[in-house]
Amino acid sequence: MNFKVTQSFLNEIDSTWQGRGFNSRSEFIRYTLRDAIEFPTFDRDELIALLQAEGDIRDRRTMSADEAREQFGTDSDE
């Protein structure tokens, strides 16, 4: 299999596989493709929402469950 990527993307791939302890770029790409086939749970919109939520957590823009219930008017028994 052959495919083309930009040099900057290849640099990201290389830093990722090395940082995660894979033995080679090929091993990392095989693992990533296998994972995408076996666990196709996220689409692009879900991934974006997850990344935004991670940013909110990092920037401390969160609220407790009690605060959410109060703000959105939900009952804790539901």
PDB file of N, CA and C in Angstrom:
ATOM      1  N   MET A   1       0.853  -1.160   0.000  1.00  0.00           N
ATOM      2  CA  MET A   1       0.000   0.000   0.000  1.00  0.00           C
ATOM      3  C   MET A   1       0.904   1.230   0.000  1.00  0.00           C
ATOM      4  N   ASN A   2       0.596   2.145  -0.880  1.00  0.00           N
ATOM      5  CA  ASN A   2       1.318   3.414  -0.938  1.00  0.00           C
ATOM      6  C   ASN A   2       0.327   4.558  -0.821  1.00  0.00           C
ATOM      7  N   PHE A   3       0.696   5.590  -0.107  1.00  0.00           N
ATOM      8  CA  PHE A   3      -0.120   6.794  -0.050  1.00  0.00           C
ATOM      9  C   PHE A   3       0.790   7.974   0.240  1.00  0.00           C
ATOM     10  N   LYS A   4       0.316   9.140  -0.126  1.00  0.00           N
ATOM     11  CA  LYS A   4       1.114  10.349   0.041  1.00  0.00           C
ATOM     12  C   LYS A   4       0.564  11.196   1.177  1.00  0.00           C
ATOM     13  N   VAL A   5       1.472  11.786   1.931  1.00  0.00           N
ATOM     14  CA  VAL A   5       1.117  12.735   2.984  1.00  0.00           C
ATOM     15  C   VAL A   5       2.095  13.898   2.902  1.00  0.00           C
ATOM     16  N   THR A   6       1.713  15.002   3.479  1.00  0.00           N
ATOM     17  CA  THR A   6       2.622  16.147   3.504  1.00  0.00           C
ATOM     18  C   THR A   6       3.778  15.864   4.459  1.00  0.00           C
ATOM     19  N   GLN A   7       4.851  16.563   4.288  1.00  0.00           N
ATOM     20  CA  GLN A   7       6.007  16.383   5.166  1.00  0.00           C
ATOM     21  C   GLN A   7       5.658  16.732   6.612  1.00  0.00           C
ATOM     22  N   SER A   8       4.837  17.773   6.788  1.00  0.00           N
ATOM     23  CA  SER A   8       4.472  18.157   8.158  1.00  0.00           C
ATOM     24  C   SER A   8       3.630  17.068   8.826  1.00  0.00           C
ATOM     25  N   PHE A   9       2.739  16.425   8.053  1.00  0.00           N
ATOM     26  CA  PHE A   9       1.935  15.338   8.611  1.00  0.00           C
ATOM     27  C   PHE A   9       2.823  14.133   8.918  1.00  0.00           C
ATOM     28  N   LEU A  10       3.766  13.847   8.045  1.00  0.00           N
ATOM     29  CA  LEU A  10       4.701  12.756   8.290  1.00  0.00           C
ATOM     30  C   LEU A  10       5.513  13.018   9.559  1.00  0.00           C
ATOM     31  N   ASN A  11       5.900  14.249   9.765  1.00  0.00           N
ATOM     32  CA  ASN A  11       6.621  14.604  10.996  1.00  0.00           C
ATOM     33  C   ASN A  11       5.760  14.348  12.230  1.00  0.00           C
ATOM     34  N   GLU A  12       4.459  14.679  12.136  1.00  0.00           N
ATOM     35  CA  GLU A  12       3.539  14.414  13.254  1.00  0.00           C
ATOM     36  C   GLU A  12       3.403  12.922  13.506  1.00  0.00           C
ATOM     37  N   ILE A  13       3.269  12.154  12.418  1.00  0.00           N
ATOM     38  CA  ILE A  13       3.175  10.699  12.547  1.00  0.00           C
ATOM     39  C   ILE A  13       4.420  10.158  13.239  1.00  0.00           C
ATOM     40  N   ASP A  14       5.581  10.606  12.782  1.00  0.00           N
ATOM     41  CA  ASP A  14       6.833  10.115  13.364  1.00  0.00           C
ATOM     42  C   ASP A  14       6.964  10.467  14.841  1.00  0.00           C
ATOM     43  N   SER A  15       6.628  11.680  15.200  1.00  0.00           N
ATOM     44  CA  SER A  15       6.739  12.038  16.618  1.00  0.00           C
ATOM     45  C   SER A  15       5.718  11.277  17.454  1.00  0.00           C
ATOM     46  N   THR A  16       4.559  10.966  16.862  1.00  0.00           N
ATOM     47  CA  THR A  16       3.531  10.226  17.588  1.00  0.00           C
ATOM     48  C   THR A  16       3.949   8.787  17.827  1.00  0.00           C
ATOM     49  N   TRP A  17       4.370   8.075  16.769  1.00  0.00           N
ATOM     50  CA  TRP A  17       4.721   6.661  16.980  1.00  0.00           C
ATOM     51  C   TRP A  17       5.922   6.520  17.898  1.00  0.00           C
ATOM     52  N   GLN A  18       6.865   7.415  17.792  1.00  0.00           N
ATOM     53  CA  GLN A  18       8.034   7.340  18.666  1.00  0.00           C
ATOM     54  C   GLN A  18       7.650   7.656  20.109  1.00  0.00           C
ATOM     55  N   GLY A  19       6.779   8.644  20.284  1.00  0.00           N
ATOM     56  CA  GLY A  19       6.348   9.032  21.621  1.00  0.00           C
ATOM     57  C   GLY A  19       5.485   7.998  22.311  1.00  0.00           C
ATOM     58  N   ARG A  20       4.825   7.160  21.518  1.00  0.00           N
ATOM     59  CA  ARG A  20       3.943   6.134  22.096  1.00  0.00           C
ATOM     60  C   ARG A  20       4.615   4.777  22.224  1.00  0.00           C
ATOM     61  N   GLY A  21       5.884   4.709  21.871  1.00  0.00           N
ATOM     62  CA  GLY A  21       6.627   3.474  22.099  1.00  0.00           C
ATOM     63  C   GLY A  21       6.500   2.410  21.028  1.00  0.00           C
ATOM     64  N   PHE A  22       6.020   2.751  19.847  1.00  0.00           N
ATOM     65  CA  PHE A  22       5.973   1.772  18.766  1.00  0.00           C
ATOM     66  C   PHE A  22       7.387   1.567  18.234  1.00  0.00           C
ATOM     67  N   ASN A  23       7.638   0.391  17.656  1.00  0.00           N
ATOM     68  CA  ASN A  23       8.967   0.079  17.138  1.00  0.00           C
ATOM     69  C   ASN A  23       9.239   0.692  15.774  1.00  0.00           C
ATOM     70  N   SER A  24       8.171   1.012  15.036  1.00  0.00           N
ATOM     71  CA  SER A  24       8.361   1.571  13.697  1.00  0.00           C
ATOM     72  C   SER A  24       7.122   2.343  13.273  1.00  0.00           C
ATOM     73  N   ARG A  25       7.294   3.142  12.251  1.00  0.00           N
ATOM     74  CA  ARG A  25       6.172   3.878  11.664  1.00  0.00           C
ATOM     75  C   ARG A  25       5.136   2.889  11.128  1.00  0.00           C
ATOM     76  N   SER A  26       5.604   1.831  10.442  1.00  0.00           N
ATOM     77  CA  SER A  26       4.686   0.835   9.874  1.00  0.00           C
ATOM     78  C   SER A  26       3.844   0.168  10.950  1.00  0.00           C
ATOM     79  N   GLU A  27       4.476  -0.190  12.062  1.00  0.00           N
ATOM     80  CA  GLU A  27       3.739  -0.806  13.165  1.00  0.00           C
ATOM     81  C   GLU A  27       2.654   0.140  13.678  1.00  0.00           C
ATOM     82  N   PHE A  28       2.992   1.409  13.824  1.00  0.00           N
ATOM     83  CA  PHE A  28       2.025   2.400  14.286  1.00  0.00           C
ATOM     84  C   PHE A  28       0.866   2.550  13.302  1.00  0.00           C
ATOM     85  N   ILE A  29       1.163   2.627  12.013  1.00  0.00           N
ATOM     86  CA  ILE A  29       0.109   2.794  11.005  1.00  0.00           C
ATOM     87  C   ILE A  29      -0.784   1.562  10.963  1.00  0.00           C
ATOM     88  N   ARG A  30      -0.210   0.351  11.017  1.00  0.00           N
ATOM     89  CA  ARG A  30      -1.031  -0.868  11.054  1.00  0.00           C
ATOM     90  C   ARG A  30      -1.946  -0.865  12.274  1.00  0.00           C
ATOM     91  N   TYR A  31      -1.399  -0.522  13.436  1.00  0.00           N
ATOM     92  CA  TYR A  31      -2.193  -0.473  14.662  1.00  0.00           C
ATOM     93  C   TYR A  31      -3.334   0.535  14.521  1.00  0.00           C
ATOM     94  N   THR A  32      -3.027   1.710  13.995  1.00  0.00           N
ATOM     95  CA  THR A  32      -4.026   2.765  13.857  1.00  0.00           C
ATOM     96  C   THR A  32      -5.133   2.356  12.893  1.00  0.00           C
ATOM     97  N   LEU A  33      -4.777   1.747  11.770  1.00  0.00           N
ATOM     98  CA  LEU A  33      -5.785   1.290  10.807  1.00  0.00           C
ATOM     99  C   LEU A  33      -6.637   0.173  11.399  1.00  0.00           C
ATOM    100  N   ARG A  34      -6.005  -0.773  12.075  1.00  0.00           N
ATOM    101  CA  ARG A  34      -6.746  -1.866  12.706  1.00  0.00           C
ATOM    102  C   ARG A  34      -7.717  -1.315  13.747  1.00  0.00           C
ATOM    103  N   ASP A  35      -7.260  -0.372  14.541  1.00  0.00           N
ATOM    104  CA  ASP A  35      -8.099   0.241  15.566  1.00  0.00           C
ATOM    105  C   ASP A  35      -9.290   0.962  14.939  1.00  0.00           C
ATOM    106  N   ALA A  36      -9.064   1.658  13.830  1.00  0.00           N
ATOM    107  CA  ALA A  36     -10.153   2.380  13.156  1.00  0.00           C
ATOM    108  C   ALA A  36     -11.202   1.418  12.609  1.00  0.00           C
ATOM    109  N   ILE A  37     -10.782   0.244  12.151  1.00  0.00           N
ATOM    110  CA  ILE A  37     -11.719  -0.753  11.626  1.00  0.00           C
ATOM    111  C   ILE A  37     -12.480  -1.434  12.760  1.00  0.00           C
ATOM    112  N   GLU A  38     -11.776  -1.802  13.811  1.00  0.00           N
ATOM    113  CA  GLU A  38     -12.395  -2.540  14.910  1.00  0.00           C
ATOM    114  C   GLU A  38     -13.261  -1.671  15.812  1.00  0.00           C
ATOM    115  N   PHE A  39     -12.926  -0.398  15.940  1.00  0.00           N
ATOM    116  CA  PHE A  39     -13.637   0.489  16.854  1.00  0.00           C
ATOM    117  C   PHE A  39     -14.033   1.793  16.164  1.00  0.00           C
ATOM    118  N   PRO A  40     -14.919   1.714  15.178  1.00  0.00           N
ATOM    119  CA  PRO A  40     -15.304   2.933  14.428  1.00  0.00           C
ATOM    120  C   PRO A  40     -16.357   3.750  15.166  1.00  0.00           C
ATOM    121  N   THR A  41     -16.064   4.124  16.395  1.00  0.00           N
ATOM    122  CA  THR A  41     -17.080   4.773  17.221  1.00  0.00           C
ATOM    123  C   THR A  41     -17.162   6.274  17.036  1.00  0.00           C
ATOM    124  N   PHE A  42     -16.088   6.911  16.622  1.00  0.00           N
ATOM    125  CA  PHE A  42     -16.100   8.361  16.513  1.00  0.00           C
ATOM    126  C   PHE A  42     -16.149   8.807  15.064  1.00  0.00           C
ATOM    127  N   ASP A  43     -17.059   9.727  14.783  1.00  0.00           N
ATOM    128  CA  ASP A  43     -16.972  10.408  13.500  1.00  0.00           C
ATOM    129  C   ASP A  43     -16.277  11.744  13.756  1.00  0.00           C
ATOM    130  N   ARG A  44     -16.044  12.492  12.734  1.00  0.00           N
ATOM    131  CA  ARG A  44     -15.276  13.734  12.857  1.00  0.00           C
ATOM    132  C   ARG A  44     -15.935  14.715  13.834  1.00  0.00           C
ATOM    133  N   ASP A  45     -17.263  14.865  13.768  1.00  0.00           N
ATOM    134  CA  ASP A  45     -17.955  15.794  14.665  1.00  0.00           C
ATOM    135  C   ASP A  45     -17.821  15.374  16.125  1.00  0.00           C
ATOM    136  N   GLU A  46     -17.920  14.063  16.383  1.00  0.00           N
ATOM    137  CA  GLU A  46     -17.773  13.584  17.756  1.00  0.00           C
ATOM    138  C   GLU A  46     -16.352  13.817  18.269  1.00  0.00           C
ATOM    139  N   LEU A  47     -15.376  13.621  17.405  1.00  0.00           N
ATOM    140  CA  LEU A  47     -13.996  13.859  17.808  1.00  0.00           C
ATOM    141  C   LEU A  47     -13.760  15.333  18.113  1.00  0.00           C
ATOM    142  N   ILE A  48     -14.313  16.212  17.295  1.00  0.00           N
ATOM    143  CA  ILE A  48     -14.181  17.654  17.535  1.00  0.00           C
ATOM    144  C   ILE A  48     -14.821  18.027  18.872  1.00  0.00           C
ATOM    145  N   ALA A  49     -16.015  17.485  19.142  1.00  0.00           N
ATOM    146  CA  ALA A  49     -16.694  17.771  20.411  1.00  0.00           C
ATOM    147  C   ALA A  49     -15.870  17.261  21.594  1.00  0.00           C
ATOM    148  N   LEU A  50     -15.272  16.091  21.441  1.00  0.00           N
ATOM    149  CA  LEU A  50     -14.440  15.539  22.504  1.00  0.00           C
ATOM    150  C   LEU A  50     -13.223  16.420  22.756  1.00  0.00           C
ATOM    151  N   LEU A  51     -12.589  16.879  21.695  1.00  0.00           N
ATOM    152  CA  LEU A  51     -11.425  17.755  21.846  1.00  0.00           C
ATOM    153  C   LEU A  51     -11.812  19.080  22.490  1.00  0.00           C
ATOM    154  N   GLN A  52     -12.982  19.613  22.134  1.00  0.00           N
ATOM    155  CA  GLN A  52     -13.445  20.854  22.757  1.00  0.00           C
ATOM    156  C   GLN A  52     -13.719  20.639  24.242  1.00  0.00           C
ATOM    157  N   ALA A  53     -14.294  19.492  24.580  1.00  0.00           N
ATOM    158  CA  ALA A  53     -14.553  19.187  25.987  1.00  0.00           C
ATOM    159  C   ALA A  53     -13.245  19.062  26.763  1.00  0.00           C
ATOM    160  N   GLU A  54     -12.245  18.449  26.151  1.00  0.00           N
ATOM    161  CA  GLU A  54     -10.933  18.356  26.798  1.00  0.00           C
ATOM    162  C   GLU A  54     -10.368  19.746  27.060  1.00  0.00           C
ATOM    163  N   GLY A  55     -10.553  20.658  26.110  1.00  0.00           N
ATOM    164  CA  GLY A  55     -10.103  22.038  26.290  1.00  0.00           C
ATOM    165  C   GLY A  55     -10.838  22.716  27.427  1.00  0.00           C
ATOM    166  N   ASP A  56     -12.154  22.472  27.512  1.00  0.00           N
ATOM    167  CA  ASP A  56     -12.939  23.045  28.609  1.00  0.00           C
ATOM    168  C   ASP A  56     -12.439  22.542  29.962  1.00  0.00           C
ATOM    169  N   ILE A  57     -12.147  21.256  30.035  1.00  0.00           N
ATOM    170  CA  ILE A  57     -11.643  20.687  31.288  1.00  0.00           C
ATOM    171  C   ILE A  57     -10.294  21.299  31.634  1.00  0.00           C
ATOM    172  N   ARG A  58      -9.427  21.383  30.649  1.00  0.00           N
ATOM    173  CA  ARG A  58      -8.086  21.947  30.872  1.00  0.00           C
ATOM    174  C   ARG A  58      -8.163  23.403  31.327  1.00  0.00           C
ATOM    175  N   ASP A  59      -9.120  24.158  30.747  1.00  0.00           N
ATOM    176  CA  ASP A  59      -9.272  25.579  31.079  1.00  0.00           C
ATOM    177  C   ASP A  59     -10.227  25.811  32.246  1.00  0.00           C
ATOM    178  N   ARG A  60     -10.631  24.732  32.895  1.00  0.00           N
ATOM    179  CA  ARG A  60     -11.510  24.773  34.069  1.00  0.00           C
ATOM    180  C   ARG A  60     -12.860  25.433  33.787  1.00  0.00           C
ATOM    181  N   ARG A  61     -13.389  25.189  32.586  1.00  0.00           N
ATOM    182  CA  ARG A  61     -14.723  25.681  32.225  1.00  0.00           C
ATOM    183  C   ARG A  61     -15.719  24.525  32.371  1.00  0.00           C
ATOM    184  N   THR A  62     -15.819  24.022  33.581  1.00  0.00           N
ATOM    185  CA  THR A  62     -16.709  22.894  33.852  1.00  0.00           C
ATOM    186  C   THR A  62     -17.619  23.239  35.021  1.00  0.00           C
ATOM    187  N   MET A  63     -18.575  22.352  35.280  1.00  0.00           N
ATOM    188  CA  MET A  63     -19.456  22.539  36.433  1.00  0.00           C
ATOM    189  C   MET A  63     -19.747  21.181  37.038  1.00  0.00           C
ATOM    190  N   SER A  64     -20.138  21.187  38.286  1.00  0.00           N
ATOM    191  CA  SER A  64     -20.480  19.944  38.970  1.00  0.00           C
ATOM    192  C   SER A  64     -21.840  19.459  38.484  1.00  0.00           C
ATOM    193  N   ALA A  65     -22.164  18.217  38.808  1.00  0.00           N
ATOM    194  CA  ALA A  65     -23.464  17.665  38.442  1.00  0.00           C
ATOM    195  C   ALA A  65     -24.589  18.465  39.091  1.00  0.00           C
ATOM    196  N   ASP A  66     -24.399  18.872  40.342  1.00  0.00           N
ATOM    197  CA  ASP A  66     -25.421  19.674  41.023  1.00  0.00           C
ATOM    198  C   ASP A  66     -25.620  21.020  40.329  1.00  0.00           C
ATOM    199  N   GLU A  67     -24.528  21.664  39.921  1.00  0.00           N
ATOM    200  CA  GLU A  67     -24.638  22.939  39.200  1.00  0.00           C
ATOM    201  C   GLU A  67     -25.363  22.755  37.869  1.00  0.00           C
ATOM    202  N   ALA A  68     -25.090  21.649  37.189  1.00  0.00           N
ATOM    203  CA  ALA A  68     -25.755  21.384  35.908  1.00  0.00           C
ATOM    204  C   ALA A  68     -27.247  21.149  36.114  1.00  0.00           C
ATOM    205  N   ARG A  69     -27.591  20.384  37.146  1.00  0.00           N
ATOM    206  CA  ARG A  69     -29.012  20.151  37.438  1.00  0.00           C
ATOM    207  C   ARG A  69     -29.731  21.465  37.723  1.00  0.00           C
ATOM    208  N   GLU A  70     -29.092  22.317  38.502  1.00  0.00           N
ATOM    209  CA  GLU A  70     -29.694  23.608  38.843  1.00  0.00           C
ATOM    210  C   GLU A  70     -29.840  24.490  37.601  1.00  0.00           C
ATOM    211  N   GLN A  71     -28.803  24.552  36.789  1.00  0.00           N
ATOM    212  CA  GLN A  71     -28.833  25.420  35.612  1.00  0.00           C
ATOM    213  C   GLN A  71     -29.814  24.926  34.556  1.00  0.00           C
ATOM    214  N   PHE A  72     -29.881  23.608  34.359  1.00  0.00           N
ATOM    215  CA  PHE A  72     -30.708  23.071  33.280  1.00  0.00           C
ATOM    216  C   PHE A  72     -32.040  22.517  33.763  1.00  0.00           C
ATOM    217  N   GLY A  73     -32.282  22.592  35.069  1.00  0.00           N
ATOM    218  CA  GLY A  73     -33.580  22.221  35.610  1.00  0.00           C
ATOM    219  C   GLY A  73     -33.899  20.747  35.548  1.00  0.00           C
ATOM    220  N   THR A  74     -32.894  19.895  35.670  1.00  0.00           N
ATOM    221  CA  THR A  74     -33.166  18.463  35.651  1.00  0.00           C
ATOM    222  C   THR A  74     -33.308  17.946  37.064  1.00  0.00           C
ATOM    223  N   ASP A  75     -34.010  16.843  37.190  1.00  0.00           N
ATOM    224  CA  ASP A  75     -34.223  16.215  38.490  1.00  0.00           C
ATOM    225  C   ASP A  75     -33.179  15.121  38.678  1.00  0.00           C
ATOM    226  N   SER A  76     -32.588  15.030  39.839  1.00  0.00           N
ATOM    227  CA  SER A  76     -31.541  14.036  40.089  1.00  0.00           C
ATOM    228  C   SER A  76     -32.081  12.613  40.104  1.00  0.00           C
ATOM    229  N   ASP A  77     -33.422  12.427  40.191  1.00  0.00           N
ATOM    230  CA  ASP A  77     -34.015  11.089  40.205  1.00  0.00           C
ATOM    231  C   ASP A  77     -34.218  10.537  38.804  1.00  0.00           C
ATOM    232  N   GLU A  78     -34.047  11.351  37.782  1.00  0.00           N
ATOM    233  CA  GLU A  78     -34.313  10.894  36.411  1.00  0.00           C
ATOM    234  C   GLU A  78     -33.127  10.215  35.819  1.00  0.00           C
TER     235      GLU A  78
END
